[in-house]
């Protein structure tokens, strides 16, 4: 279920709205704490990335819900396994980060994402939100144990991750790293992967809330326009 955080709401004044995955909550909360932002954030459950059709339905529902009272709507999602393909902008248009998935947001920019990938392809990324929400591989194993049993649940996750070479924990500077590091390293040990830690920053998250919404980092849909995969490329 989505939850809403409202900052500096002023009566019926139109406001900016960001619709984001809950995995970004630690980072977006930190950005909000830096200043007085007139923005409303609607968080959607982070497990929706596994069901792109449901993600699209809930995104559109939230866009339609706030369209009449918003001055600007921004998505806190990348292409996300085509989960945003088909979403339709309303009267104020729609801004979408120009990235394949949310990892570029956590790394600071699409260009930084490409740079990290070129340096060492094959990472399975973990962020503070993924670990805290038990959406890391070990958490997913535990989630499936009641249904499949531990041995099968572990086999399924190992199969899904067999082409990844290492577990990469992104340090965005918003959480105490020691417990996150311990959990990420446990994931690497259990899954027989290398471990890596990547320092990052909150710049892309700041732009998500405040702008500027440059063409390099954001796609802009006009009112009534429907998002297609072709636009992204």
Protein backbone atom coordinates (compact mmCIF):
# COMPACT_ATOMS: atom_id res chain seq x y z
CA UNK A 1 0.00 0.00 0.00
CA UNK A 2 1.23 3.48 -0.82
CA UNK A 3 1.83 5.99 1.91
CA UNK A 4 2.01 9.76 1.60
CA UNK A 5 4.44 12.28 3.02
CA UNK A 6 3.44 15.91 2.72
CA UNK A 7 5.93 18.74 3.25
CA UNK A 8 4.95 22.40 3.44
CA UNK A 9 1.44 21.85 2.10
CA UNK A 10 -0.34 25.20 1.87
CA UNK A 11 -4.06 24.87 1.60
CA UNK A 12 -5.14 24.11 -1.92
CA UNK A 13 -2.07 25.53 -3.58
CA UNK A 14 -0.91 23.25 -6.37
CA UNK A 15 2.23 21.35 -5.45
CA UNK A 16 4.90 19.19 -6.97
CA UNK A 17 4.37 15.45 -6.56
CA UNK A 18 6.97 12.70 -6.73
CA UNK A 19 5.72 9.12 -7.07
CA UNK A 20 8.60 6.88 -6.02
CA UNK A 21 9.55 3.36 -5.03
CA UNK A 22 9.81 2.97 -1.26
CA UNK A 23 13.38 1.70 -1.69
CA UNK A 24 14.34 5.38 -2.14
CA UNK A 25 12.78 6.52 1.13
CA UNK A 26 16.05 6.84 3.14
CA UNK A 27 17.65 9.00 0.43
CA UNK A 28 14.58 11.15 -0.28
CA UNK A 29 14.02 11.71 3.44
CA UNK A 30 17.59 12.97 3.71
CA UNK A 31 17.07 15.39 0.81
CA UNK A 32 13.87 16.66 2.40
CA UNK A 33 15.73 17.22 5.67
CA UNK A 34 18.22 19.49 3.88
CA UNK A 35 15.66 22.21 3.18
CA UNK A 36 12.03 23.28 2.99
CA UNK A 37 10.63 21.48 -0.03
CA UNK A 38 7.09 22.10 -1.24
CA UNK A 39 6.67 18.57 -2.50
CA UNK A 40 4.47 15.60 -1.80
CA UNK A 41 5.98 12.11 -2.06
CA UNK A 42 3.82 9.07 -2.70
CA UNK A 43 5.69 5.83 -2.02
CA UNK A 44 4.75 2.56 -3.71
CA UNK A 45 5.77 -0.84 -2.38
CA UNK A 46 9.26 -1.83 -3.51
CA UNK A 47 8.20 -5.42 -4.30
CA UNK A 48 6.24 -4.10 -7.31
CA UNK A 49 9.43 -4.20 -9.40
CA UNK A 50 8.83 -7.97 -9.61
CA UNK A 51 5.36 -7.47 -11.16
CA UNK A 52 5.69 -4.78 -13.87
CA UNK A 53 2.00 -4.94 -14.84
CA UNK A 54 0.89 -4.17 -11.30
CA UNK A 55 3.50 -1.43 -11.10
CA UNK A 56 2.07 0.26 -14.20
CA UNK A 57 -1.48 0.06 -12.84
CA UNK A 58 -0.53 1.59 -9.50
CA UNK A 59 1.60 4.31 -11.08
CA UNK A 60 -1.25 5.36 -13.35
CA UNK A 61 -3.70 5.28 -10.46
CA UNK A 62 -1.51 7.65 -8.43
CA UNK A 63 -0.88 9.96 -11.40
CA UNK A 64 -4.61 10.24 -12.02
CA UNK A 65 -5.24 10.74 -8.30
CA UNK A 66 -3.04 13.85 -8.05
CA UNK A 67 -3.34 15.22 -11.59
CA UNK A 68 -5.96 17.87 -10.80
CA UNK A 69 -4.09 19.35 -7.83
CA UNK A 70 -0.45 19.13 -8.95
CA UNK A 71 1.75 21.66 -10.68
CA UNK A 72 4.29 18.99 -11.65
CA UNK A 73 4.48 15.18 -11.41
CA UNK A 74 7.82 13.35 -11.35
CA UNK A 75 8.35 9.59 -11.23
CA UNK A 76 10.97 8.07 -8.97
CA UNK A 77 11.34 5.15 -11.37
CA UNK A 78 13.52 4.28 -14.33
CA UNK A 79 12.41 2.02 -17.17
CA UNK A 80 12.24 -0.74 -14.51
CA UNK A 81 11.72 -3.88 -16.64
CA UNK A 82 9.27 -1.87 -18.77
CA UNK A 83 7.08 -1.31 -15.72
CA UNK A 84 6.53 2.34 -16.70
CA UNK A 85 5.85 1.61 -20.38
CA UNK A 86 2.29 2.68 -21.14
CA UNK A 87 1.99 5.24 -18.35
CA UNK A 88 0.11 8.34 -19.54
CA UNK A 89 0.79 11.94 -18.60
CA UNK A 90 -2.09 14.20 -17.59
CA UNK A 91 -2.57 17.95 -17.95
CA UNK A 92 0.75 18.97 -16.39
CA UNK A 93 2.88 16.43 -18.28
CA UNK A 94 5.23 13.95 -16.63
CA UNK A 95 8.95 13.74 -15.87
CA UNK A 96 10.73 10.36 -15.82
CA UNK A 97 14.40 9.76 -14.94
CA UNK A 98 16.39 8.76 -18.01
CA UNK A 99 17.74 5.50 -16.58
CA UNK A 100 17.13 1.77 -17.08
CA UNK A 101 16.45 1.20 -13.40
CA UNK A 102 16.76 3.00 -10.09
CA UNK A 103 20.44 2.10 -9.65
CA UNK A 104 21.48 5.15 -11.68
CA UNK A 105 19.65 7.32 -9.14
CA UNK A 106 21.58 5.69 -6.30
CA UNK A 107 24.89 6.09 -8.15
CA UNK A 108 24.31 9.80 -8.79
CA UNK A 109 23.69 9.96 -12.55
CA UNK A 110 23.18 7.82 -15.69
CA UNK A 111 26.77 8.53 -16.74
CA UNK A 112 28.12 7.32 -13.38
CA UNK A 113 26.08 4.14 -13.79
CA UNK A 114 27.68 3.49 -17.17
CA UNK A 115 31.13 4.24 -15.79
CA UNK A 116 30.75 1.78 -12.90
CA UNK A 117 29.37 -0.89 -15.21
CA UNK A 118 32.29 -0.52 -17.62
CA UNK A 119 34.78 -0.80 -14.78
CA UNK A 120 33.26 -4.00 -13.42
CA UNK A 121 30.29 -5.59 -15.23
CA UNK A 122 28.17 -8.19 -13.49
CA UNK A 123 27.25 -6.56 -10.15
CA UNK A 124 24.09 -7.30 -8.20
CA UNK A 125 23.44 -3.99 -6.48
CA UNK A 126 22.15 -3.51 -2.97
CA UNK A 127 21.06 -0.16 -1.52
CA UNK A 128 20.18 0.80 2.06
CA UNK A 129 16.47 0.55 1.27
CA UNK A 130 16.76 -2.91 -0.28
CA UNK A 131 18.64 -4.26 2.73
CA UNK A 132 16.44 -2.56 5.34
CA UNK A 133 13.32 -3.81 3.54
CA UNK A 134 14.61 -7.41 3.41
CA UNK A 135 14.53 -7.30 -0.38
CA UNK A 136 18.13 -8.51 -0.66
CA UNK A 137 18.70 -12.11 -1.91
CA UNK A 138 18.74 -13.55 1.63
CA UNK A 139 15.49 -11.75 2.39
CA UNK A 140 13.91 -13.11 -0.78
CA UNK A 141 15.00 -16.63 0.17
CA UNK A 142 13.32 -16.28 3.57
CA UNK A 143 10.19 -14.90 1.91
CA UNK A 144 9.88 -18.02 -0.25
CA UNK A 145 10.70 -20.62 2.43
CA UNK A 146 7.09 -21.09 3.63
CA UNK A 147 5.99 -21.77 0.06
CA UNK A 148 8.84 -23.86 -1.34
CA UNK A 149 11.02 -24.94 1.56
CA UNK A 150 14.51 -23.58 2.24
CA UNK A 151 16.45 -25.76 -0.21
CA UNK A 152 14.22 -24.94 -3.19
CA UNK A 153 13.92 -21.27 -2.24
CA UNK A 154 17.69 -20.94 -2.12
CA UNK A 155 18.10 -22.79 -5.43
CA UNK A 156 15.65 -20.42 -7.13
CA UNK A 157 17.56 -17.31 -5.98
CA UNK A 158 20.92 -18.86 -6.86
CA UNK A 159 19.62 -19.59 -10.37
CA UNK A 160 18.35 -16.03 -10.76
CA UNK A 161 21.73 -14.63 -9.74
CA UNK A 162 24.05 -17.16 -11.36
CA UNK A 163 25.28 -14.68 -13.99
CA UNK A 164 26.19 -11.99 -11.43
CA UNK A 165 29.81 -11.90 -10.36
CA UNK A 166 29.61 -9.88 -7.14
CA UNK A 167 27.39 -8.18 -4.59
CA UNK A 168 27.82 -4.39 -4.68
CA UNK A 169 26.54 -2.31 -1.77
CA UNK A 170 25.98 1.36 -2.61
CA UNK A 171 26.82 3.77 0.20
CA UNK A 172 24.63 6.85 -0.30
CA UNK A 173 25.65 8.29 3.05
CA UNK A 174 22.20 8.17 4.65
CA UNK A 175 22.40 5.12 6.94
CA UNK A 176 24.86 3.57 9.39
CA UNK A 177 26.93 1.32 7.14
CA UNK A 178 28.17 -1.29 9.62
CA UNK A 179 24.96 -3.37 9.83
CA UNK A 180 24.24 -2.91 6.12
CA UNK A 181 27.78 -3.98 5.27
CA UNK A 182 27.52 -7.07 7.46
CA UNK A 183 24.28 -8.10 5.79
CA UNK A 184 25.60 -7.43 2.27
CA UNK A 185 28.75 -9.42 3.00
CA UNK A 186 26.61 -12.28 4.31
CA UNK A 187 24.73 -12.25 0.99
CA UNK A 188 28.02 -12.44 -0.87
CA UNK A 189 29.30 -15.32 1.28
CA UNK A 190 26.12 -17.41 1.03
CA UNK A 191 25.83 -16.87 -2.72
CA UNK A 192 29.57 -17.31 -3.31
CA UNK A 193 30.02 -13.87 -4.88
CA UNK A 194 32.70 -11.24 -4.52
CA UNK A 195 31.85 -8.26 -2.31
CA UNK A 196 32.25 -4.62 -3.27
CA UNK A 197 31.22 -1.28 -1.76
CA UNK A 198 30.56 1.75 -3.94
CA UNK A 199 30.56 5.29 -2.47
CA UNK A 200 27.94 7.58 -3.95
CA UNK A 201 25.95 10.77 -3.33
CA UNK A 202 22.42 12.20 -3.39
CA UNK A 203 22.74 14.49 -6.43
CA UNK A 204 20.28 12.66 -8.68
CA UNK A 205 17.77 12.46 -5.82
CA UNK A 206 18.13 16.21 -5.26
CA UNK A 207 17.37 16.80 -8.92
CA UNK A 208 14.41 14.43 -8.68
CA UNK A 209 12.83 16.66 -6.02
CA UNK A 210 14.13 20.10 -7.04
CA UNK A 211 15.27 20.01 -10.66
CA UNK A 212 16.69 21.21 -12.92
CA UNK A 213 15.10 18.56 -15.11
CA UNK A 214 17.70 18.45 -17.86
CA UNK A 215 17.25 16.44 -21.04
CA UNK A 216 20.35 14.45 -20.17
CA UNK A 217 18.78 13.04 -17.00
CA UNK A 218 15.01 13.28 -17.49
CA UNK A 219 12.43 12.44 -20.14
CA UNK A 220 9.57 14.90 -20.44
CA UNK A 221 6.14 13.70 -21.53
CA UNK A 222 3.66 16.29 -22.78
CA UNK A 223 0.06 16.37 -21.50
CA UNK A 224 -1.86 13.34 -22.77
CA UNK A 225 1.29 11.62 -24.07
CA UNK A 226 1.84 7.92 -23.35
CA UNK A 227 5.30 6.63 -22.50
CA UNK A 228 6.83 4.10 -24.92
CA UNK A 229 10.09 2.17 -24.78
CA UNK A 230 11.16 3.92 -28.00
CA UNK A 231 11.17 7.28 -26.22
CA UNK A 232 13.70 5.98 -23.74
CA UNK A 233 16.19 4.94 -26.42
